[in-house]
């Protein structure tokens, strides 16, 4: 199964923004209220996310949802 380009963009941006704020996958998951394996699966393009989860990820990384979904985070 081919990976969705949008899922790859999201995965790259979540990883980059999470690293930028200096938070581990475990602590990011706790902050977002999701399981730690879920964060890893999103970052590896193995899971789709809901709009609600996108909002949680955006809040935790301090960026907007459009930034999470735009290549190189430029929205």
N, C-alpha and C. Protein backbone atom coordinates (compact mmCIF):
# COMPACT_ATOMS: atom_id res chain seq x y z
N UNK A 1 0.84 -1.18 0.00
CA UNK A 1 0.00 0.00 0.00
C UNK A 1 0.88 1.24 0.00
N UNK A 2 0.61 2.16 -0.90
CA UNK A 2 1.40 3.40 -0.99
C UNK A 2 0.99 4.35 0.12
N UNK A 3 1.97 5.05 0.63
CA UNK A 3 1.70 6.03 1.67
C UNK A 3 1.08 7.28 1.04
N UNK A 4 0.14 7.85 1.76
CA UNK A 4 -0.46 9.11 1.32
C UNK A 4 0.57 10.22 1.46
N UNK A 5 0.67 11.07 0.45
CA UNK A 5 1.58 12.19 0.52
C UNK A 5 1.24 13.09 1.70
N UNK A 6 -0.05 13.30 1.95
CA UNK A 6 -0.48 14.14 3.07
C UNK A 6 -0.09 13.51 4.40
N UNK A 7 -0.23 12.19 4.51
CA UNK A 7 0.20 11.51 5.74
C UNK A 7 1.70 11.65 5.95
N UNK A 8 2.48 11.60 4.87
CA UNK A 8 3.94 11.76 4.99
C UNK A 8 4.28 13.18 5.43
N UNK A 9 3.60 14.16 4.87
CA UNK A 9 3.82 15.55 5.27
C UNK A 9 3.50 15.71 6.75
N UNK A 10 2.35 15.17 7.18
CA UNK A 10 1.98 15.25 8.59
C UNK A 10 3.02 14.57 9.47
N UNK A 11 3.45 13.38 9.08
CA UNK A 11 4.44 12.64 9.87
C UNK A 11 5.72 13.45 10.01
N UNK A 12 6.21 14.00 8.92
CA UNK A 12 7.43 14.78 8.96
C UNK A 12 7.27 16.02 9.84
N UNK A 13 6.13 16.70 9.69
CA UNK A 13 5.92 17.92 10.47
C UNK A 13 5.73 17.64 11.95
N UNK A 14 4.99 16.60 12.30
CA UNK A 14 4.82 16.26 13.72
C UNK A 14 6.18 15.96 14.33
N UNK A 15 6.97 15.16 13.66
CA UNK A 15 8.30 14.81 14.17
C UNK A 15 9.17 16.06 14.33
N UNK A 16 9.17 16.92 13.32
CA UNK A 16 10.01 18.11 13.36
C UNK A 16 9.56 19.09 14.45
N UNK A 17 8.26 19.37 14.50
CA UNK A 17 7.78 20.32 15.50
C UNK A 17 7.90 19.76 16.91
N UNK A 18 7.69 18.46 17.07
CA UNK A 18 7.85 17.83 18.39
C UNK A 18 9.30 17.97 18.85
N UNK A 19 10.23 17.73 17.94
CA UNK A 19 11.66 17.86 18.27
C UNK A 19 12.01 19.32 18.56
N UNK A 20 11.39 20.23 17.82
CA UNK A 20 11.67 21.66 18.01
C UNK A 20 11.30 22.12 19.42
N UNK A 21 10.21 21.60 19.95
CA UNK A 21 9.83 21.97 21.32
C UNK A 21 10.51 21.08 22.36
N UNK A 22 11.31 20.12 21.88
CA UNK A 22 12.12 19.30 22.78
C UNK A 22 11.34 18.33 23.64
N UNK A 23 10.35 17.68 23.03
CA UNK A 23 9.52 16.74 23.78
C UNK A 23 9.62 15.35 23.15
N UNK A 24 9.73 14.35 23.98
CA UNK A 24 9.82 12.97 23.50
C UNK A 24 8.45 12.50 23.00
N UNK A 25 8.46 11.40 22.27
CA UNK A 25 7.18 10.82 21.82
C UNK A 25 6.30 10.49 23.01
N UNK A 26 6.91 9.93 24.07
CA UNK A 26 6.14 9.56 25.26
C UNK A 26 5.47 10.77 25.89
N UNK A 27 6.24 11.83 26.12
CA UNK A 27 5.68 13.01 26.74
C UNK A 27 4.70 13.74 25.83
N UNK A 28 4.96 13.70 24.53
CA UNK A 28 4.04 14.29 23.57
C UNK A 28 2.70 13.55 23.63
N UNK A 29 2.75 12.24 23.67
CA UNK A 29 1.53 11.43 23.75
C UNK A 29 0.75 11.76 25.02
N UNK A 30 1.46 11.87 26.13
CA UNK A 30 0.80 12.21 27.40
C UNK A 30 0.12 13.58 27.29
N UNK A 31 0.84 14.55 26.75
CA UNK A 31 0.29 15.89 26.61
C UNK A 31 -0.94 15.92 25.71
N UNK A 32 -0.94 15.07 24.68
CA UNK A 32 -2.06 15.03 23.74
C UNK A 32 -3.18 14.10 24.19
N UNK A 33 -2.92 13.27 25.19
CA UNK A 33 -3.93 12.33 25.66
C UNK A 33 -4.13 11.15 24.74
N UNK A 34 -3.06 10.74 24.06
CA UNK A 34 -3.11 9.57 23.19
C UNK A 34 -2.04 8.58 23.66
N UNK A 35 -2.11 7.36 23.15
CA UNK A 35 -1.13 6.35 23.53
C UNK A 35 0.20 6.62 22.82
N UNK A 36 1.29 6.31 23.47
CA UNK A 36 2.62 6.60 22.90
C UNK A 36 2.87 5.87 21.59
N UNK A 37 2.33 4.66 21.46
CA UNK A 37 2.53 3.93 20.20
C UNK A 37 1.78 4.61 19.05
N UNK A 38 0.69 5.28 19.37
CA UNK A 38 -0.08 6.00 18.35
C UNK A 38 0.77 7.10 17.74
N UNK A 39 1.49 7.85 18.56
CA UNK A 39 2.35 8.92 18.06
C UNK A 39 3.40 8.33 17.12
N UNK A 40 4.03 7.24 17.51
CA UNK A 40 5.01 6.59 16.65
C UNK A 40 4.41 6.12 15.35
N UNK A 41 3.20 5.58 15.40
CA UNK A 41 2.53 5.11 14.19
C UNK A 41 2.20 6.28 13.27
N UNK A 42 1.81 7.41 13.83
CA UNK A 42 1.54 8.59 13.00
C UNK A 42 2.84 9.06 12.35
N UNK A 43 3.92 9.10 13.12
CA UNK A 43 5.20 9.56 12.59
C UNK A 43 5.78 8.60 11.56
N UNK A 44 5.33 7.35 11.55
CA UNK A 44 5.78 6.38 10.55
C UNK A 44 4.75 6.20 9.43
N UNK A 45 3.75 7.04 9.39
CA UNK A 45 2.68 7.00 8.37
C UNK A 45 1.86 5.72 8.43
N UNK A 46 1.73 5.13 9.58
CA UNK A 46 0.97 3.89 9.71
C UNK A 46 -0.47 4.12 10.14
N UNK A 47 -0.78 5.34 10.58
CA UNK A 47 -2.12 5.64 11.07
C UNK A 47 -2.65 6.91 10.44
N UNK A 48 -3.95 6.93 10.22
CA UNK A 48 -4.64 8.16 9.86
C UNK A 48 -5.04 8.85 11.16
N UNK A 49 -5.21 10.14 11.10
CA UNK A 49 -5.61 10.88 12.30
C UNK A 49 -6.94 11.56 12.07
N UNK A 50 -7.64 11.83 13.16
CA UNK A 50 -8.89 12.57 13.08
C UNK A 50 -8.60 14.06 13.16
N UNK A 51 -9.60 14.86 12.83
CA UNK A 51 -9.46 16.31 12.97
C UNK A 51 -9.20 16.69 14.42
N UNK A 52 -9.84 16.00 15.35
CA UNK A 52 -9.63 16.29 16.77
C UNK A 52 -8.18 16.02 17.16
N UNK A 53 -7.60 14.95 16.64
CA UNK A 53 -6.21 14.65 16.94
C UNK A 53 -5.28 15.67 16.32
N UNK A 54 -5.59 16.12 15.11
CA UNK A 54 -4.79 17.18 14.49
C UNK A 54 -4.77 18.42 15.37
N UNK A 55 -5.92 18.76 15.94
CA UNK A 55 -5.99 19.92 16.83
C UNK A 55 -5.13 19.71 18.07
N UNK A 56 -5.14 18.51 18.63
CA UNK A 56 -4.31 18.21 19.80
C UNK A 56 -2.82 18.33 19.46
N UNK A 57 -2.44 17.77 18.32
CA UNK A 57 -1.04 17.83 17.89
C UNK A 57 -0.61 19.27 17.64
N UNK A 58 -1.48 20.06 17.02
CA UNK A 58 -1.15 21.46 16.75
C UNK A 58 -0.96 22.23 18.05
N UNK A 59 -1.86 22.04 18.98
CA UNK A 59 -1.76 22.74 20.26
C UNK A 59 -0.48 22.36 21.00
N UNK A 60 -0.15 21.08 21.00
CA UNK A 60 1.03 20.60 21.72
C UNK A 60 2.34 21.08 21.10
N UNK A 61 2.32 21.33 19.80
CA UNK A 61 3.54 21.78 19.12
C UNK A 61 3.59 23.28 18.93
N UNK A 62 2.47 23.96 19.22
CA UNK A 62 2.43 25.40 19.10
C UNK A 62 2.32 25.92 17.68
N UNK A 63 1.75 25.11 16.79
CA UNK A 63 1.56 25.52 15.41
C UNK A 63 0.09 25.34 15.04
N UNK A 64 -0.28 25.77 13.86
CA UNK A 64 -1.66 25.61 13.41
C UNK A 64 -1.85 24.27 12.70
N UNK A 65 -3.09 23.85 12.59
CA UNK A 65 -3.39 22.63 11.84
C UNK A 65 -2.92 22.75 10.40
N UNK A 66 -3.18 23.87 9.71
CA UNK A 66 -2.66 23.98 8.34
C UNK A 66 -1.14 23.83 8.26
N UNK A 67 -0.41 24.32 9.25
CA UNK A 67 1.04 24.14 9.24
C UNK A 67 1.42 22.67 9.35
N UNK A 68 0.67 21.91 10.11
CA UNK A 68 0.95 20.47 10.23
C UNK A 68 0.71 19.74 8.92
N UNK A 69 -0.16 20.28 8.09
CA UNK A 69 -0.55 19.60 6.85
C UNK A 69 0.09 20.19 5.59
N UNK A 70 1.02 21.12 5.77
CA UNK A 70 1.65 21.77 4.64
C UNK A 70 3.12 21.38 4.57
N UNK A 71 3.58 21.03 3.39
CA UNK A 71 4.98 20.62 3.21
C UNK A 71 5.91 21.66 3.82
N UNK A 72 6.85 21.19 4.61
CA UNK A 72 7.82 22.03 5.31
C UNK A 72 7.16 22.98 6.32
N UNK A 73 5.89 22.72 6.65
CA UNK A 73 5.21 23.49 7.67
C UNK A 73 4.93 24.93 7.34
N UNK A 74 4.95 25.28 6.06
CA UNK A 74 4.72 26.65 5.65
C UNK A 74 3.28 26.77 5.16
N UNK A 75 2.47 27.47 5.93
CA UNK A 75 1.07 27.63 5.54
C UNK A 75 0.73 29.10 5.38
